[in-house]
Amino acid sequence: MKKLMRKLSKVTHSTQYSILLPNSPKPRSDIVPAGHFPVYVGLDQDTTERFIVNAELLHHPLFIELLHRSAQEYGYDQRGVLRIPVNVVVFERVLESVKLGEGYSRLDELID
């Protein structure tokens, strides 16, 4: 897990940034702002959306749980962009919860 977190924290610079909205309505760019990383979120190819997330989220309990789900689904040796197998709405709730500083520490608490 530490190896994956170190790998994800290495990013490049960009002028485009969005933490809560997927990049799909805008022209896609492979450049990511410093201190951020791209994530593909979705349960299948048709519902997958790309997000740019702040690397500080890697230490939040909700995001760690998402990383564990990703590792269970795809393994620790994923190539390319990190994929998280959850519904996009759930991922947006996680981002909003973290942004608002709500005290959720498990995904189950957030979904119910």
N, C-alpha and C. Protein backbone atom coordinates (compact mmCIF):
# COMPACT_ATOMS: atom_id res chain seq x y z
N MET A 1 0.83 -1.19 0.00
CA MET A 1 0.00 0.00 0.00
C MET A 1 0.88 1.26 0.00
N LYS A 2 1.96 1.25 0.79
CA LYS A 2 2.85 2.41 0.84
C LYS A 2 3.47 2.68 -0.53
N LYS A 3 3.81 1.60 -1.25
CA LYS A 3 4.40 1.74 -2.57
C LYS A 3 3.41 2.40 -3.53
N LEU A 4 2.15 1.98 -3.47
CA LEU A 4 1.11 2.57 -4.30
C LEU A 4 0.90 4.04 -3.96
N MET A 5 0.88 4.39 -2.67
CA MET A 5 0.68 5.77 -2.25
C MET A 5 1.84 6.66 -2.71
N ARG A 6 3.08 6.15 -2.61
CA ARG A 6 4.24 6.92 -3.08
C ARG A 6 4.15 7.15 -4.58
N LYS A 7 3.75 6.13 -5.31
CA LYS A 7 3.64 6.22 -6.76
C LYS A 7 2.58 7.24 -7.16
N LEU A 8 1.47 7.27 -6.44
CA LEU A 8 0.37 8.18 -6.77
C LEU A 8 0.67 9.63 -6.40
N SER A 9 1.56 9.86 -5.45
CA SER A 9 1.84 11.21 -5.03
C SER A 9 2.78 11.95 -5.97
N LYS A 10 3.40 11.25 -6.92
CA LYS A 10 4.28 11.89 -7.89
C LYS A 10 3.45 12.34 -9.08
N VAL A 11 3.25 13.66 -9.21
CA VAL A 11 2.44 14.20 -10.30
C VAL A 11 3.13 15.39 -10.94
N THR A 12 2.55 15.90 -12.03
CA THR A 12 3.13 17.03 -12.74
C THR A 12 2.26 18.27 -12.57
N HIS A 13 2.65 19.38 -13.21
CA HIS A 13 1.97 20.65 -13.06
C HIS A 13 0.92 20.86 -14.15
N SER A 14 -0.16 21.60 -13.84
CA SER A 14 -1.18 21.95 -14.82
C SER A 14 -1.92 23.19 -14.36
N THR A 15 -2.60 23.84 -15.30
CA THR A 15 -3.42 25.00 -14.94
C THR A 15 -4.87 24.62 -14.74
N GLN A 16 -5.25 23.39 -15.10
CA GLN A 16 -6.64 22.95 -14.92
C GLN A 16 -6.75 22.17 -13.62
N TYR A 17 -7.84 22.38 -12.89
CA TYR A 17 -8.03 21.67 -11.64
C TYR A 17 -9.50 21.61 -11.29
N SER A 18 -9.96 20.44 -10.86
CA SER A 18 -11.33 20.27 -10.38
C SER A 18 -11.32 19.12 -9.38
N ILE A 19 -11.72 19.39 -8.13
CA ILE A 19 -11.73 18.32 -7.13
C ILE A 19 -13.07 17.60 -7.08
N LEU A 20 -14.17 18.29 -7.33
CA LEU A 20 -15.47 17.66 -7.15
C LEU A 20 -16.18 17.31 -8.45
N LEU A 21 -15.71 17.80 -9.57
CA LEU A 21 -16.38 17.52 -10.82
C LEU A 21 -15.49 16.70 -11.73
N PRO A 22 -16.07 15.74 -12.46
CA PRO A 22 -15.27 14.97 -13.40
C PRO A 22 -14.80 15.88 -14.53
N ASN A 23 -13.70 15.51 -15.17
CA ASN A 23 -13.16 16.30 -16.27
C ASN A 23 -13.86 16.06 -17.59
N SER A 24 -14.77 15.12 -17.67
CA SER A 24 -15.33 14.73 -18.95
C SER A 24 -16.02 15.86 -19.72
N PRO A 25 -16.73 16.84 -19.10
CA PRO A 25 -17.34 17.89 -19.90
C PRO A 25 -16.31 18.83 -20.53
N LYS A 26 -15.13 18.94 -19.94
CA LYS A 26 -14.07 19.81 -20.44
C LYS A 26 -13.18 19.01 -21.36
N PRO A 27 -12.38 19.68 -22.17
CA PRO A 27 -11.39 18.94 -22.96
C PRO A 27 -10.44 18.20 -22.02
N ARG A 28 -10.22 16.94 -22.29
CA ARG A 28 -9.38 16.13 -21.40
C ARG A 28 -7.92 16.49 -21.56
N SER A 29 -7.25 16.54 -20.47
CA SER A 29 -5.82 16.82 -20.47
C SER A 29 -5.13 15.76 -19.64
N ASP A 30 -3.99 15.31 -20.12
CA ASP A 30 -3.23 14.31 -19.37
C ASP A 30 -2.33 14.96 -18.33
N ILE A 31 -2.31 16.29 -18.29
CA ILE A 31 -1.47 17.00 -17.33
C ILE A 31 -2.27 17.21 -16.05
N VAL A 32 -1.63 16.92 -14.93
CA VAL A 32 -2.28 17.00 -13.62
C VAL A 32 -1.54 18.02 -12.76
N PRO A 33 -2.26 18.86 -12.00
CA PRO A 33 -1.59 19.85 -11.14
C PRO A 33 -0.68 19.18 -10.11
N ALA A 34 0.36 19.88 -9.73
CA ALA A 34 1.25 19.38 -8.69
C ALA A 34 0.45 19.13 -7.41
N GLY A 35 0.74 18.03 -6.74
CA GLY A 35 0.04 17.70 -5.50
C GLY A 35 -1.30 17.03 -5.72
N HIS A 36 -1.59 16.60 -6.93
CA HIS A 36 -2.85 15.95 -7.27
C HIS A 36 -2.57 14.71 -8.11
N PHE A 37 -3.59 13.87 -8.27
CA PHE A 37 -3.44 12.69 -9.12
C PHE A 37 -4.78 12.35 -9.77
N PRO A 38 -4.75 11.74 -10.95
CA PRO A 38 -5.99 11.37 -11.63
C PRO A 38 -6.53 10.04 -11.11
N VAL A 39 -7.84 9.91 -11.12
CA VAL A 39 -8.52 8.69 -10.69
C VAL A 39 -9.68 8.42 -11.64
N TYR A 40 -9.81 7.17 -12.09
CA TYR A 40 -11.00 6.77 -12.84
C TYR A 40 -11.92 6.08 -11.85
N VAL A 41 -13.16 6.54 -11.80
CA VAL A 41 -14.14 6.03 -10.84
C VAL A 41 -15.34 5.49 -11.60
N GLY A 42 -15.78 4.30 -11.23
CA GLY A 42 -16.97 3.73 -11.84
C GLY A 42 -16.98 2.23 -11.72
N LEU A 43 -18.17 1.67 -11.92
CA LEU A 43 -18.34 0.23 -11.80
C LEU A 43 -18.15 -0.49 -13.12
N ASP A 44 -18.25 0.23 -14.24
CA ASP A 44 -18.04 -0.38 -15.56
C ASP A 44 -17.57 0.70 -16.54
N GLN A 45 -17.23 0.30 -17.75
CA GLN A 45 -16.69 1.23 -18.74
C GLN A 45 -17.67 2.36 -19.08
N ASP A 46 -18.96 2.08 -19.09
CA ASP A 46 -19.96 3.08 -19.49
C ASP A 46 -20.16 4.18 -18.45
N THR A 47 -19.90 3.87 -17.19
CA THR A 47 -20.16 4.85 -16.13
C THR A 47 -18.88 5.42 -15.51
N THR A 48 -17.73 5.09 -16.07
CA THR A 48 -16.46 5.56 -15.51
C THR A 48 -16.24 7.03 -15.83
N GLU A 49 -15.83 7.80 -14.81
CA GLU A 49 -15.51 9.21 -14.97
C GLU A 49 -14.13 9.48 -14.38
N ARG A 50 -13.46 10.48 -14.94
CA ARG A 50 -12.11 10.83 -14.50
C ARG A 50 -12.19 12.01 -13.53
N PHE A 51 -11.48 11.89 -12.42
CA PHE A 51 -11.40 12.95 -11.42
C PHE A 51 -9.93 13.30 -11.20
N ILE A 52 -9.69 14.53 -10.81
CA ILE A 52 -8.37 14.96 -10.36
C ILE A 52 -8.50 15.25 -8.87
N VAL A 53 -7.74 14.52 -8.05
CA VAL A 53 -7.90 14.62 -6.60
C VAL A 53 -6.62 15.07 -5.92
N ASN A 54 -6.78 15.78 -4.83
CA ASN A 54 -5.66 16.25 -4.03
C ASN A 54 -4.97 15.06 -3.36
N ALA A 55 -3.65 15.02 -3.41
CA ALA A 55 -2.89 13.91 -2.83
C ALA A 55 -3.06 13.81 -1.31
N GLU A 56 -3.48 14.89 -0.66
CA GLU A 56 -3.71 14.85 0.79
C GLU A 56 -4.81 13.85 1.15
N LEU A 57 -5.69 13.54 0.21
CA LEU A 57 -6.76 12.58 0.47
C LEU A 57 -6.25 11.17 0.71
N LEU A 58 -5.02 10.89 0.30
CA LEU A 58 -4.47 9.56 0.46
C LEU A 58 -4.39 9.11 1.92
N HIS A 59 -4.45 10.05 2.85
CA HIS A 59 -4.36 9.73 4.27
C HIS A 59 -5.72 9.72 4.96
N HIS A 60 -6.78 10.07 4.26
CA HIS A 60 -8.11 10.11 4.87
C HIS A 60 -8.68 8.69 4.94
N PRO A 61 -9.31 8.32 6.06
CA PRO A 61 -9.83 6.96 6.23
C PRO A 61 -10.80 6.52 5.12
N LEU A 62 -11.66 7.42 4.66
CA LEU A 62 -12.59 7.06 3.59
C LEU A 62 -11.84 6.74 2.29
N PHE A 63 -10.84 7.53 1.99
CA PHE A 63 -10.10 7.31 0.76
C PHE A 63 -9.23 6.05 0.86
N ILE A 64 -8.71 5.79 2.04
CA ILE A 64 -7.94 4.55 2.25
C ILE A 64 -8.82 3.34 2.03
N GLU A 65 -10.06 3.42 2.46
CA GLU A 65 -11.00 2.32 2.22
C GLU A 65 -11.26 2.15 0.71
N LEU A 66 -11.34 3.26 -0.02
CA LEU A 66 -11.50 3.18 -1.48
C LEU A 66 -10.27 2.54 -2.12
N LEU A 67 -9.08 2.87 -1.61
CA LEU A 67 -7.85 2.27 -2.13
C LEU A 67 -7.82 0.76 -1.87
N HIS A 68 -8.32 0.34 -0.72
CA HIS A 68 -8.38 -1.09 -0.42
C HIS A 68 -9.34 -1.80 -1.37
N ARG A 69 -10.47 -1.16 -1.66
CA ARG A 69 -11.42 -1.75 -2.61
C ARG A 69 -10.79 -1.88 -4.00
N SER A 70 -10.04 -0.86 -4.37
CA SER A 70 -9.35 -0.89 -5.65
C SER A 70 -8.33 -2.02 -5.70
N ALA A 71 -7.57 -2.17 -4.62
CA ALA A 71 -6.56 -3.24 -4.56
C ALA A 71 -7.21 -4.62 -4.60
N GLN A 72 -8.36 -4.77 -3.95
CA GLN A 72 -9.06 -6.05 -3.98
C GLN A 72 -9.55 -6.38 -5.39
N GLU A 73 -10.02 -5.37 -6.10
CA GLU A 73 -10.57 -5.57 -7.44
C GLU A 73 -9.48 -5.74 -8.50
N TYR A 74 -8.45 -4.89 -8.46
CA TYR A 74 -7.47 -4.83 -9.53
C TYR A 74 -6.06 -5.26 -9.12
N GLY A 75 -5.81 -5.43 -7.83
CA GLY A 75 -4.48 -5.79 -7.36
C GLY A 75 -3.63 -4.55 -7.10
N TYR A 76 -2.47 -4.75 -6.50
CA TYR A 76 -1.59 -3.64 -6.16
C TYR A 76 -0.70 -3.19 -7.32
N ASP A 77 -0.66 -3.96 -8.38
CA ASP A 77 0.21 -3.64 -9.51
C ASP A 77 -0.55 -3.04 -10.68
N GLN A 78 -1.53 -2.19 -10.41
CA GLN A 78 -2.26 -1.54 -11.48
C GLN A 78 -1.31 -0.74 -12.35
N ARG A 79 -1.54 -0.75 -13.64
CA ARG A 79 -0.76 0.06 -14.59
C ARG A 79 -1.60 1.26 -14.98
N GLY A 80 -0.94 2.40 -15.15
CA GLY A 80 -1.65 3.60 -15.58
C GLY A 80 -2.36 4.29 -14.43
N VAL A 81 -3.50 4.88 -14.75
CA VAL A 81 -4.26 5.67 -13.78
C VAL A 81 -4.98 4.76 -12.79
N LEU A 82 -5.01 5.18 -11.53
CA LEU A 82 -5.72 4.44 -10.49
C LEU A 82 -7.20 4.33 -10.83
N ARG A 83 -7.75 3.15 -10.67
CA ARG A 83 -9.18 2.91 -10.89
C ARG A 83 -9.81 2.52 -9.55
N ILE A 84 -10.96 3.14 -9.27
CA ILE A 84 -11.67 2.84 -8.03
C ILE A 84 -13.05 2.32 -8.40
N PRO A 85 -13.36 1.07 -8.02
CA PRO A 85 -14.62 0.43 -8.42
C PRO A 85 -15.79 0.76 -7.49
N VAL A 86 -16.23 2.00 -7.51
CA VAL A 86 -17.43 2.41 -6.78
C VAL A 86 -18.27 3.29 -7.68
N ASN A 87 -19.52 3.43 -7.32
CA ASN A 87 -20.41 4.32 -8.06
C ASN A 87 -19.88 5.75 -7.98
N VAL A 88 -20.00 6.49 -9.07
CA VAL A 88 -19.51 7.87 -9.12
C VAL A 88 -20.17 8.73 -8.05
N VAL A 89 -21.44 8.51 -7.79
CA VAL A 89 -22.16 9.28 -6.77
C VAL A 89 -21.55 9.05 -5.40
N VAL A 90 -21.18 7.81 -5.10
CA VAL A 90 -20.54 7.50 -3.82
C VAL A 90 -19.20 8.23 -3.71
N PHE A 91 -18.42 8.21 -4.79
CA PHE A 91 -17.13 8.90 -4.78
C PHE A 91 -17.32 10.40 -4.56
N GLU A 92 -18.31 10.99 -5.21
CA GLU A 92 -18.59 12.41 -5.02
C GLU A 92 -18.99 12.70 -3.58
N ARG A 93 -19.74 11.78 -2.95
CA ARG A 93 -20.10 11.94 -1.53
C ARG A 93 -18.86 11.91 -0.65
N VAL A 94 -17.92 11.03 -0.98
CA VAL A 94 -16.67 10.96 -0.21
C VAL A 94 -15.93 12.29 -0.32
N LEU A 95 -15.79 12.81 -1.53
CA LEU A 95 -15.10 14.09 -1.73
C LEU A 95 -15.79 15.23 -0.98
N GLU A 96 -17.11 15.26 -1.06
CA GLU A 96 -17.87 16.31 -0.38
C GLU A 96 -17.74 16.18 1.13
N SER A 97 -17.79 14.95 1.65
CA SER A 97 -17.64 14.72 3.08
C SER A 97 -16.29 15.21 3.58
N VAL A 98 -15.24 14.89 2.82
CA VAL A 98 -13.89 15.32 3.20
C VAL A 98 -13.80 16.84 3.14
N LYS A 99 -14.35 17.43 2.10
CA LYS A 99 -14.31 18.88 1.93
C LYS A 99 -15.01 19.60 3.09
N LEU A 100 -16.14 19.05 3.53
CA LEU A 100 -16.90 19.68 4.61
C LEU A 100 -16.39 19.30 5.99
N GLY A 101 -15.45 18.37 6.05
CA GLY A 101 -14.88 17.97 7.33
C GLY A 101 -15.81 17.13 8.17
N GLU A 102 -16.73 16.43 7.52
CA GLU A 102 -17.65 15.56 8.26
C GLU A 102 -16.88 14.39 8.85
N GLY A 103 -17.35 13.86 9.95
CA GLY A 103 -16.61 12.87 10.70
C GLY A 103 -16.80 11.43 10.28
N TYR A 104 -17.14 11.17 9.02
CA TYR A 104 -17.29 9.80 8.58
C TYR A 104 -15.92 9.13 8.47
N SER A 105 -15.85 7.89 8.93
CA SER A 105 -14.58 7.17 8.85
C SER A 105 -14.72 5.86 8.08
N ARG A 106 -15.98 5.51 7.70
CA ARG A 106 -16.22 4.30 6.90
C ARG A 106 -17.21 4.62 5.80
N LEU A 107 -17.03 3.98 4.66
CA LEU A 107 -17.93 4.19 3.52
C LEU A 107 -19.36 3.81 3.85
N ASP A 108 -19.53 2.75 4.63
CA ASP A 108 -20.87 2.31 4.99
C ASP A 108 -21.66 3.39 5.70
N GLU A 109 -21.00 4.17 6.56
CA GLU A 109 -21.66 5.27 7.27
C GLU A 109 -22.11 6.35 6.29
N LEU A 110 -21.35 6.57 5.28
CA LEU A 110 -21.62 7.62 4.31
C LEU A 110 -22.73 7.24 3.35
N ILE A 111 -22.81 5.96 3.00
CA ILE A 111 -23.79 5.49 2.03
C ILE A 111 -25.16 5.37 2.64
N ASP A 112 -25.24 4.93 3.88
CA ASP A 112 -26.56 4.71 4.53
C ASP A 112 -27.30 5.98 4.80
